[in-house]
Amino acid sequence: MGRKSIERLKKDAEALQRRMSELGPLMRGSVVRIGTKNKQYYFSLNKDKKTKLIYLGDKRVETARMFSDNYKKLLQIIEKVTILNMEILKRTEC
């Protein structure tokens, strides 16, 4: 992380928080294609040790992928913000 100033670290964290607010709709899970002969698209979510599926058809696949991608981007941003905030906290006097 180098020796960035606390002010710079805070600005970086604020920029990442703005990116979080700009992501739009999100969903945890993934788009899957199920079937042997006639494969169909579903959105799959594992919740409470059970897999939940919703049928997407062809028309909603891209929207569902975008929602899922937004969730993955959110997780990446959260990881970055966490590292920045840990560094800020470490440098802050009690």
PDB file of N, CA and C in Angstrom:
ATOM      1  N   MET A   1       0.828  -1.192   0.000  1.00  0.00           N
ATOM      2  CA  MET A   1       0.000   0.000   0.000  1.00  0.00           C
ATOM      3  C   MET A   1       0.868   1.249   0.000  1.00  0.00           C
ATOM      4  N   GLY A   2       2.131   1.117   0.285  1.00  0.00           N
ATOM      5  CA  GLY A   2       3.001   2.284   0.294  1.00  0.00           C
ATOM      6  C   GLY A   2       2.750   3.146   1.519  1.00  0.00           C
ATOM      7  N   ARG A   3       3.165   4.391   1.422  1.00  0.00           N
ATOM      8  CA  ARG A   3       2.977   5.319   2.548  1.00  0.00           C
ATOM      9  C   ARG A   3       2.044   6.460   2.156  1.00  0.00           C
ATOM     10  N   LYS A   4       0.875   6.136   1.677  1.00  0.00           N
ATOM     11  CA  LYS A   4      -0.107   7.163   1.376  1.00  0.00           C
ATOM     12  C   LYS A   4      -0.537   7.828   2.674  1.00  0.00           C
ATOM     13  N   SER A   5      -0.878   9.105   2.588  1.00  0.00           N
ATOM     14  CA  SER A   5      -1.363   9.813   3.770  1.00  0.00           C
ATOM     15  C   SER A   5      -2.754   9.295   4.143  1.00  0.00           C
ATOM     16  N   ILE A   6      -3.124   9.521   5.385  1.00  0.00           N
ATOM     17  CA  ILE A   6      -4.454   9.107   5.838  1.00  0.00           C
ATOM     18  C   ILE A   6      -5.528   9.807   5.003  1.00  0.00           C
ATOM     19  N   GLU A   7      -5.302  11.070   4.665  1.00  0.00           N
ATOM     20  CA  GLU A   7      -6.270  11.820   3.862  1.00  0.00           C
ATOM     21  C   GLU A   7      -6.454  11.155   2.498  1.00  0.00           C
ATOM     22  N   ARG A   8      -5.353  10.729   1.900  1.00  0.00           N
ATOM     23  CA  ARG A   8      -5.416  10.081   0.582  1.00  0.00           C
ATOM     24  C   ARG A   8      -6.141   8.739   0.695  1.00  0.00           C
ATOM     25  N   LEU A   9      -5.850   7.994   1.752  1.00  0.00           N
ATOM     26  CA  LEU A   9      -6.531   6.715   1.968  1.00  0.00           C
ATOM     27  C   LEU A   9      -8.034   6.917   2.129  1.00  0.00           C
ATOM     28  N   LYS A  10      -8.410   7.969   2.883  1.00  0.00           N
ATOM     29  CA  LYS A  10      -9.836   8.261   3.071  1.00  0.00           C
ATOM     30  C   LYS A  10     -10.507   8.646   1.763  1.00  0.00           C
ATOM     31  N   LYS A  11      -9.810   9.426   0.930  1.00  0.00           N
ATOM     32  CA  LYS A  11     -10.371   9.804  -0.378  1.00  0.00           C
ATOM     33  C   LYS A  11     -10.541   8.581  -1.266  1.00  0.00           C
ATOM     34  N   ASP A  12      -9.570   7.674  -1.226  1.00  0.00           N
ATOM     35  CA  ASP A  12      -9.681   6.441  -2.008  1.00  0.00           C
ATOM     36  C   ASP A  12     -10.870   5.605  -1.538  1.00  0.00           C
ATOM     37  N   ALA A  13     -11.060   5.514  -0.228  1.00  0.00           N
ATOM     38  CA  ALA A  13     -12.186   4.762   0.332  1.00  0.00           C
ATOM     39  C   ALA A  13     -13.516   5.410  -0.069  1.00  0.00           C
ATOM     40  N   GLU A  14     -13.575   6.738  -0.035  1.00  0.00           N
ATOM     41  CA  GLU A  14     -14.799   7.448  -0.442  1.00  0.00           C
ATOM     42  C   GLU A  14     -15.107   7.207  -1.911  1.00  0.00           C
ATOM     43  N   ALA A  15     -14.083   7.196  -2.753  1.00  0.00           N
ATOM     44  CA  ALA A  15     -14.280   6.943  -4.185  1.00  0.00           C
ATOM     45  C   ALA A  15     -14.845   5.535  -4.402  1.00  0.00           C
ATOM     46  N   LEU A  16     -14.337   4.582  -3.666  1.00  0.00           N
ATOM     47  CA  LEU A  16     -14.845   3.217  -3.781  1.00  0.00           C
ATOM     48  C   LEU A  16     -16.283   3.126  -3.284  1.00  0.00           C
ATOM     49  N   GLN A  17     -16.610   3.858  -2.231  1.00  0.00           N
ATOM     50  CA  GLN A  17     -17.985   3.862  -1.726  1.00  0.00           C
ATOM     51  C   GLN A  17     -18.934   4.470  -2.757  1.00  0.00           C
ATOM     52  N   ARG A  18     -18.471   5.482  -3.473  1.00  0.00           N
ATOM     53  CA  ARG A  18     -19.299   6.045  -4.551  1.00  0.00           C
ATOM     54  C   ARG A  18     -19.534   4.998  -5.645  1.00  0.00           C
ATOM     55  N   ARG A  19     -18.487   4.245  -5.972  1.00  0.00           N
ATOM     56  CA  ARG A  19     -18.634   3.186  -6.980  1.00  0.00           C
ATOM     57  C   ARG A  19     -19.656   2.151  -6.539  1.00  0.00           C
ATOM     58  N   MET A  20     -19.687   1.851  -5.244  1.00  0.00           N
ATOM     59  CA  MET A  20     -20.680   0.894  -4.742  1.00  0.00           C
ATOM     60  C   MET A  20     -22.096   1.403  -4.993  1.00  0.00           C
ATOM     61  N   SER A  21     -22.305   2.686  -4.754  1.00  0.00           N
ATOM     62  CA  SER A  21     -23.655   3.242  -4.899  1.00  0.00           C
ATOM     63  C   SER A  21     -24.085   3.334  -6.360  1.00  0.00           C
ATOM     64  N   GLU A  22     -23.132   3.264  -7.270  1.00  0.00           N
ATOM     65  CA  GLU A  22     -23.440   3.381  -8.699  1.00  0.00           C
ATOM     66  C   GLU A  22     -23.670   2.035  -9.377  1.00  0.00           C
ATOM     67  N   LEU A  23     -23.520   0.944  -8.656  1.00  0.00           N
ATOM     68  CA  LEU A  23     -23.598  -0.375  -9.280  1.00  0.00           C
ATOM     69  C   LEU A  23     -24.969  -0.720  -9.838  1.00  0.00           C
ATOM     70  N   GLY A  24     -26.007  -0.344  -9.161  1.00  0.00           N
ATOM     71  CA  GLY A  24     -27.337  -0.704  -9.627  1.00  0.00           C
ATOM     72  C   GLY A  24     -27.792  -2.026  -9.035  1.00  0.00           C
ATOM     73  N   PRO A  25     -28.811  -2.638  -9.642  1.00  0.00           N
ATOM     74  CA  PRO A  25     -29.381  -3.871  -9.090  1.00  0.00           C
ATOM     75  C   PRO A  25     -28.333  -4.985  -9.016  1.00  0.00           C
ATOM     76  N   LEU A  26     -28.444  -5.790  -7.958  1.00  0.00           N
ATOM     77  CA  LEU A  26     -27.519  -6.907  -7.829  1.00  0.00           C
ATOM     78  C   LEU A  26     -28.205  -8.098  -7.202  1.00  0.00           C
ATOM     79  N   MET A  27     -27.676  -9.269  -7.504  1.00  0.00           N
ATOM     80  CA  MET A  27     -28.179 -10.509  -6.924  1.00  0.00           C
ATOM     81  C   MET A  27     -27.006 -11.467  -6.739  1.00  0.00           C
ATOM     82  N   ARG A  28     -26.997 -12.149  -5.609  1.00  0.00           N
ATOM     83  CA  ARG A  28     -26.014 -13.201  -5.387  1.00  0.00           C
ATOM     84  C   ARG A  28     -26.526 -14.454  -6.068  1.00  0.00           C
ATOM     85  N   GLY A  29     -25.683 -15.110  -6.821  1.00  0.00           N
ATOM     86  CA  GLY A  29     -26.066 -16.317  -7.531  1.00  0.00           C
ATOM     87  C   GLY A  29     -25.481 -16.291  -8.929  1.00  0.00           C
ATOM     88  N   SER A  30     -25.933 -17.216  -9.758  1.00  0.00           N
ATOM     89  CA  SER A  30     -25.375 -17.285 -11.102  1.00  0.00           C
ATOM     90  C   SER A  30     -26.392 -17.802 -12.103  1.00  0.00           C
ATOM     91  N   VAL A  31     -26.120 -17.484 -13.358  1.00  0.00           N
ATOM     92  CA  VAL A  31     -26.940 -17.963 -14.460  1.00  0.00           C
ATOM     93  C   VAL A  31     -26.420 -19.344 -14.842  1.00  0.00           C
ATOM     94  N   VAL A  32     -27.341 -20.308 -14.912  1.00  0.00           N
ATOM     95  CA  VAL A  32     -26.975 -21.668 -15.300  1.00  0.00           C
ATOM     96  C   VAL A  32     -27.875 -22.134 -16.434  1.00  0.00           C
ATOM     97  N   ARG A  33     -27.372 -23.096 -17.182  1.00  0.00           N
ATOM     98  CA  ARG A  33     -28.154 -23.684 -18.278  1.00  0.00           C
ATOM     99  C   ARG A  33     -28.374 -25.148 -17.926  1.00  0.00           C
ATOM    100  N   ILE A  34     -29.628 -25.536 -17.807  1.00  0.00           N
ATOM    101  CA  ILE A  34     -29.974 -26.873 -17.332  1.00  0.00           C
ATOM    102  C   ILE A  34     -30.805 -27.604 -18.376  1.00  0.00           C
ATOM    103  N   GLY A  35     -30.530 -28.861 -18.501  1.00  0.00           N
ATOM    104  CA  GLY A  35     -31.306 -29.714 -19.389  1.00  0.00           C
ATOM    105  C   GLY A  35     -30.401 -30.608 -20.204  1.00  0.00           C
ATOM    106  N   THR A  36     -30.981 -31.687 -20.734  1.00  0.00           N
ATOM    107  CA  THR A  36     -30.187 -32.595 -21.555  1.00  0.00           C
ATOM    108  C   THR A  36     -30.370 -32.284 -23.033  1.00  0.00           C
ATOM    109  N   LYS A  37     -31.582 -32.329 -23.514  1.00  0.00           N
ATOM    110  CA  LYS A  37     -31.832 -32.034 -24.932  1.00  0.00           C
ATOM    111  C   LYS A  37     -32.208 -30.570 -25.145  1.00  0.00           C
ATOM    112  N   ASN A  38     -33.141 -30.103 -24.342  1.00  0.00           N
ATOM    113  CA  ASN A  38     -33.646 -28.740 -24.488  1.00  0.00           C
ATOM    114  C   ASN A  38     -33.142 -27.898 -23.311  1.00  0.00           C
ATOM    115  N   LYS A  39     -31.923 -27.382 -23.425  1.00  0.00           N
ATOM    116  CA  LYS A  39     -31.327 -26.641 -22.314  1.00  0.00           C
ATOM    117  C   LYS A  39     -32.019 -25.293 -22.133  1.00  0.00           C
ATOM    118  N   GLN A  40     -32.303 -24.969 -20.863  1.00  0.00           N
ATOM    119  CA  GLN A  40     -32.982 -23.725 -20.513  1.00  0.00           C
ATOM    120  C   GLN A  40     -32.135 -22.950 -19.504  1.00  0.00           C
ATOM    121  N   TYR A  41     -32.272 -21.631 -19.521  1.00  0.00           N
ATOM    122  CA  TYR A  41     -31.536 -20.783 -18.590  1.00  0.00           C
ATOM    123  C   TYR A  41     -32.334 -20.568 -17.307  1.00  0.00           C
ATOM    124  N   TYR A  42     -31.593 -20.651 -16.178  1.00  0.00           N
ATOM    125  CA  TYR A  42     -32.161 -20.413 -14.858  1.00  0.00           C
ATOM    126  C   TYR A  42     -31.196 -19.544 -14.070  1.00  0.00           C
ATOM    127  N   PHE A  43     -31.731 -18.873 -13.062  1.00  0.00           N
ATOM    128  CA  PHE A  43     -30.877 -18.199 -12.096  1.00  0.00           C
ATOM    129  C   PHE A  43     -30.835 -19.093 -10.880  1.00  0.00           C
ATOM    130  N   SER A  44     -29.622 -19.407 -10.416  1.00  0.00           N
ATOM    131  CA  SER A  44     -29.428 -20.339  -9.318  1.00  0.00           C
ATOM    132  C   SER A  44     -28.866 -19.617  -8.104  1.00  0.00           C
ATOM    133  N   LEU A  45     -29.451 -19.916  -6.947  1.00  0.00           N
ATOM    134  CA  LEU A  45     -29.005 -19.347  -5.689  1.00  0.00           C
ATOM    135  C   LEU A  45     -29.014 -20.442  -4.635  1.00  0.00           C
ATOM    136  N   ASN A  46     -27.903 -20.595  -3.934  1.00  0.00           N
ATOM    137  CA  ASN A  46     -27.848 -21.527  -2.823  1.00  0.00           C
ATOM    138  C   ASN A  46     -28.128 -20.743  -1.544  1.00  0.00           C
ATOM    139  N   LYS A  47     -29.230 -21.041  -0.904  1.00  0.00           N
ATOM    140  CA  LYS A  47     -29.666 -20.329   0.306  1.00  0.00           C
ATOM    141  C   LYS A  47     -30.086 -21.351   1.345  1.00  0.00           C
ATOM    142  N   ASP A  48     -29.492 -21.256   2.531  1.00  0.00           N
ATOM    143  CA  ASP A  48     -29.811 -22.174   3.619  1.00  0.00           C
ATOM    144  C   ASP A  48     -29.637 -23.635   3.194  1.00  0.00           C
ATOM    145  N   LYS A  49     -28.551 -23.909   2.499  1.00  0.00           N
ATOM    146  CA  LYS A  49     -28.195 -25.251   2.025  1.00  0.00           C
ATOM    147  C   LYS A  49     -29.195 -25.832   1.033  1.00  0.00           C
ATOM    148  N   LYS A  50     -29.989 -24.961   0.403  1.00  0.00           N
ATOM    149  CA  LYS A  50     -30.933 -25.397  -0.623  1.00  0.00           C
ATOM    150  C   LYS A  50     -30.719 -24.545  -1.861  1.00  0.00           C
ATOM    151  N   THR A  51     -30.795 -25.177  -3.014  1.00  0.00           N
ATOM    152  CA  THR A  51     -30.650 -24.456  -4.267  1.00  0.00           C
ATOM    153  C   THR A  51     -32.016 -23.968  -4.718  1.00  0.00           C
ATOM    154  N   LYS A  52     -32.084 -22.682  -4.973  1.00  0.00           N
ATOM    155  CA  LYS A  52     -33.324 -22.089  -5.474  1.00  0.00           C
ATOM    156  C   LYS A  52     -33.086 -21.696  -6.923  1.00  0.00           C
ATOM    157  N   LEU A  53     -34.026 -22.004  -7.783  1.00  0.00           N
ATOM    158  CA  LEU A  53     -33.915 -21.694  -9.203  1.00  0.00           C
ATOM    159  C   LEU A  53     -35.104 -20.862  -9.641  1.00  0.00           C
ATOM    160  N   ILE A  54     -34.847 -19.895 -10.521  1.00  0.00           N
ATOM    161  CA  ILE A  54     -35.949 -19.225 -11.205  1.00  0.00           C
ATOM    162  C   ILE A  54     -35.680 -19.317 -12.700  1.00  0.00           C
ATOM    163  N   TYR A  55     -36.713 -19.578 -13.431  1.00  0.00           N
ATOM    164  CA  TYR A  55     -36.604 -19.710 -14.886  1.00  0.00           C
ATOM    165  C   TYR A  55     -36.364 -18.338 -15.505  1.00  0.00           C
ATOM    166  N   LEU A  56     -35.385 -18.262 -16.403  1.00  0.00           N
ATOM    167  CA  LEU A  56     -35.074 -16.994 -17.053  1.00  0.00           C
ATOM    168  C   LEU A  56     -35.551 -16.937 -18.497  1.00  0.00           C
ATOM    169  N   GLY A  57     -35.498 -18.051 -19.182  1.00  0.00           N
ATOM    170  CA  GLY A  57     -35.761 -18.013 -20.610  1.00  0.00           C
ATOM    171  C   GLY A  57     -34.623 -17.263 -21.298  1.00  0.00           C
ATOM    172  N   ASP A  58     -34.790 -16.943 -22.551  1.00  0.00           N
ATOM    173  CA  ASP A  58     -33.731 -16.238 -23.277  1.00  0.00           C
ATOM    174  C   ASP A  58     -33.761 -14.729 -23.041  1.00  0.00           C
ATOM    175  N   LYS A  59     -34.926 -14.199 -22.723  1.00  0.00           N
ATOM    176  CA  LYS A  59     -35.082 -12.743 -22.643  1.00  0.00           C
ATOM    177  C   LYS A  59     -34.469 -12.121 -21.390  1.00  0.00           C
ATOM    178  N   ARG A  60     -34.386 -12.860 -20.296  1.00  0.00           N
ATOM    179  CA  ARG A  60     -33.913 -12.291 -19.035  1.00  0.00           C
ATOM    180  C   ARG A  60     -32.493 -12.705 -18.657  1.00  0.00           C
ATOM    181  N   VAL A  61     -31.832 -13.472 -19.524  1.00  0.00           N
ATOM    182  CA  VAL A  61     -30.492 -13.982 -19.216  1.00  0.00           C
ATOM    183  C   VAL A  61     -29.496 -12.852 -19.014  1.00  0.00           C
ATOM    184  N   GLU A  62     -29.435 -11.913 -19.932  1.00  0.00           N
ATOM    185  CA  GLU A  62     -28.454 -10.827 -19.840  1.00  0.00           C
ATOM    186  C   GLU A  62     -28.695  -9.942 -18.611  1.00  0.00           C
ATOM    187  N   THR A  63     -29.951  -9.684 -18.298  1.00  0.00           N
ATOM    188  CA  THR A  63     -30.268  -8.890 -17.108  1.00  0.00           C
ATOM    189  C   THR A  63     -29.804  -9.618 -15.851  1.00  0.00           C
ATOM    190  N   ALA A  64     -30.076 -10.908 -15.783  1.00  0.00           N
ATOM    191  CA  ALA A  64     -29.663 -11.694 -14.616  1.00  0.00           C
ATOM    192  C   ALA A  64     -28.141 -11.734 -14.507  1.00  0.00           C
ATOM    193  N   ARG A  65     -27.455 -11.861 -15.628  1.00  0.00           N
ATOM    194  CA  ARG A  65     -25.983 -11.854 -15.607  1.00  0.00           C
ATOM    195  C   ARG A  65     -25.448 -10.517 -15.109  1.00  0.00           C
ATOM    196  N   MET A  66     -26.078  -9.433 -15.549  1.00  0.00           N
ATOM    197  CA  MET A  66     -25.654  -8.104 -15.102  1.00  0.00           C
ATOM    198  C   MET A  66     -25.826  -7.980 -13.585  1.00  0.00           C
ATOM    199  N   PHE A  67     -26.968  -8.434 -13.052  1.00  0.00           N
ATOM    200  CA  PHE A  67     -27.212  -8.380 -11.611  1.00  0.00           C
ATOM    201  C   PHE A  67     -26.154  -9.186 -10.859  1.00  0.00           C
ATOM    202  N   SER A  68     -25.851 -10.372 -11.372  1.00  0.00           N
ATOM    203  CA  SER A  68     -24.854 -11.236 -10.746  1.00  0.00           C
ATOM    204  C   SER A  68     -23.463 -10.612 -10.832  1.00  0.00           C
ATOM    205  N   ASP A  69     -23.129 -10.028 -11.981  1.00  0.00           N
ATOM    206  CA  ASP A  69     -21.834  -9.353 -12.134  1.00  0.00           C
ATOM    207  C   ASP A  69     -21.714  -8.168 -11.192  1.00  0.00           C
ATOM    208  N   ASN A  70     -22.803  -7.425 -11.007  1.00  0.00           N
ATOM    209  CA  ASN A  70     -22.791  -6.297 -10.075  1.00  0.00           C
ATOM    210  C   ASN A  70     -22.496  -6.761  -8.654  1.00  0.00           C
ATOM    211  N   TYR A  71     -23.042  -7.909  -8.277  1.00  0.00           N
ATOM    212  CA  TYR A  71     -22.776  -8.461  -6.946  1.00  0.00           C
ATOM    213  C   TYR A  71     -21.291  -8.792  -6.795  1.00  0.00           C
ATOM    214  N   LYS A  72     -20.704  -9.393  -7.825  1.00  0.00           N
ATOM    215  CA  LYS A  72     -19.278  -9.747  -7.786  1.00  0.00           C
ATOM    216  C   LYS A  72     -18.409  -8.496  -7.707  1.00  0.00           C
ATOM    217  N   LYS A  73     -18.801  -7.450  -8.447  1.00  0.00           N
ATOM    218  CA  LYS A  73     -18.066  -6.185  -8.379  1.00  0.00           C
ATOM    219  C   LYS A  73     -18.163  -5.580  -6.979  1.00  0.00           C
ATOM    220  N   LEU A  74     -19.349  -5.671  -6.388  1.00  0.00           N
ATOM    221  CA  LEU A  74     -19.544  -5.159  -5.024  1.00  0.00           C
ATOM    222  C   LEU A  74     -18.600  -5.852  -4.049  1.00  0.00           C
ATOM    223  N   LEU A  75     -18.486  -7.159  -4.153  1.00  0.00           N
ATOM    224  CA  LEU A  75     -17.591  -7.896  -3.258  1.00  0.00           C
ATOM    225  C   LEU A  75     -16.142  -7.452  -3.431  1.00  0.00           C
ATOM    226  N   GLN A  76     -15.720  -7.219  -4.667  1.00  0.00           N
ATOM    227  CA  GLN A  76     -14.348  -6.756  -4.911  1.00  0.00           C
ATOM    228  C   GLN A  76     -14.119  -5.383  -4.288  1.00  0.00           C
ATOM    229  N   ILE A  77     -15.094  -4.503  -4.443  1.00  0.00           N
ATOM    230  CA  ILE A  77     -14.973  -3.161  -3.873  1.00  0.00           C
ATOM    231  C   ILE A  77     -14.925  -3.235  -2.349  1.00  0.00           C
ATOM    232  N   ILE A  78     -15.776  -4.069  -1.765  1.00  0.00           N
ATOM    233  CA  ILE A  78     -15.797  -4.216  -0.308  1.00  0.00           C
ATOM    234  C   ILE A  78     -14.430  -4.673   0.194  1.00  0.00           C
ATOM    235  N   GLU A  79     -13.799  -5.583  -0.502  1.00  0.00           N
ATOM    236  CA  GLU A  79     -12.466  -6.055  -0.108  1.00  0.00           C
ATOM    237  C   GLU A  79     -11.459  -4.906  -0.129  1.00  0.00           C
ATOM    238  N   LYS A  80     -11.511  -4.086  -1.170  1.00  0.00           N
ATOM    239  CA  LYS A  80     -10.589  -2.952  -1.275  1.00  0.00           C
ATOM    240  C   LYS A  80     -10.833  -1.923  -0.177  1.00  0.00           C
ATOM    241  N   VAL A  81     -12.104  -1.621   0.084  1.00  0.00           N
ATOM    242  CA  VAL A  81     -12.453  -0.662   1.126  1.00  0.00           C
ATOM    243  C   VAL A  81     -12.007  -1.191   2.496  1.00  0.00           C
ATOM    244  N   THR A  82     -12.157  -2.472   2.705  1.00  0.00           N
ATOM    245  CA  THR A  82     -11.740  -3.074   3.968  1.00  0.00           C
ATOM    246  C   THR A  82     -10.251  -2.886   4.198  1.00  0.00           C
ATOM    247  N   ILE A  83      -9.441  -3.131   3.184  1.00  0.00           N
ATOM    248  CA  ILE A  83      -7.988  -2.965   3.305  1.00  0.00           C
ATOM    249  C   ILE A  83      -7.649  -1.502   3.605  1.00  0.00           C
ATOM    250  N   LEU A  84      -8.297  -0.581   2.887  1.00  0.00           N
ATOM    251  CA  LEU A  84      -8.055   0.844   3.126  1.00  0.00           C
ATOM    252  C   LEU A  84      -8.451   1.228   4.548  1.00  0.00           C
ATOM    253  N   ASN A  85      -9.622   0.801   4.983  1.00  0.00           N
ATOM    254  CA  ASN A  85     -10.096   1.156   6.320  1.00  0.00           C
ATOM    255  C   ASN A  85      -9.235   0.526   7.417  1.00  0.00           C
ATOM    256  N   MET A  86      -8.716  -0.657   7.165  1.00  0.00           N
ATOM    257  CA  MET A  86      -7.804  -1.263   8.138  1.00  0.00           C
ATOM    258  C   MET A  86      -6.539  -0.422   8.273  1.00  0.00           C
ATOM    259  N   GLU A  87      -6.026   0.063   7.146  1.00  0.00           N
ATOM    260  CA  GLU A  87      -4.818   0.892   7.179  1.00  0.00           C
ATOM    261  C   GLU A  87      -5.106   2.222   7.872  1.00  0.00           C
ATOM    262  N   ILE A  88      -6.254   2.821   7.609  1.00  0.00           N
ATOM    263  CA  ILE A  88      -6.646   4.062   8.259  1.00  0.00           C
ATOM    264  C   ILE A  88      -6.750   3.844   9.775  1.00  0.00           C
ATOM    265  N   LEU A  89      -7.420   2.760  10.165  1.00  0.00           N
ATOM    266  CA  LEU A  89      -7.605   2.458  11.581  1.00  0.00           C
ATOM    267  C   LEU A  89      -6.261   2.217  12.267  1.00  0.00           C
ATOM    268  N   LYS A  90      -5.378   1.521  11.587  1.00  0.00           N
ATOM    269  CA  LYS A  90      -4.063   1.226  12.156  1.00  0.00           C
ATOM    270  C   LYS A  90      -3.265   2.509  12.408  1.00  0.00           C
ATOM    271  N   ARG A  91      -3.432   3.494  11.553  1.00  0.00           N
ATOM    272  CA  ARG A  91      -2.674   4.736  11.680  1.00  0.00           C
ATOM    273  C   ARG A  91      -3.343   5.775  12.578  1.00  0.00           C
ATOM    274  N   THR A  92      -4.594   5.548  12.943  1.00  0.00           N
ATOM    275  CA  THR A  92      -5.335   6.516  13.759  1.00  0.00           C
ATOM    276  C   THR A  92      -4.936   6.359  15.218  1.00  0.00           C
ATOM    277  N   GLU A  93      -4.702   7.501  15.859  1.00  0.00           N
ATOM    278  CA  GLU A  93      -4.376   7.476  17.276  1.00  0.00           C
ATOM    279  C   GLU A  93      -5.632   7.267  18.084  1.00  0.00           C
ATOM    280  N   CYS A  94      -5.473   6.634  19.233  1.00  0.00           N
ATOM    281  CA  CYS A  94      -6.620   6.361  20.111  1.00  0.00           C
ATOM    282  C   CYS A  94      -7.057   7.590  20.859  1.00  0.00           C
TER     283      CYS A  94
END
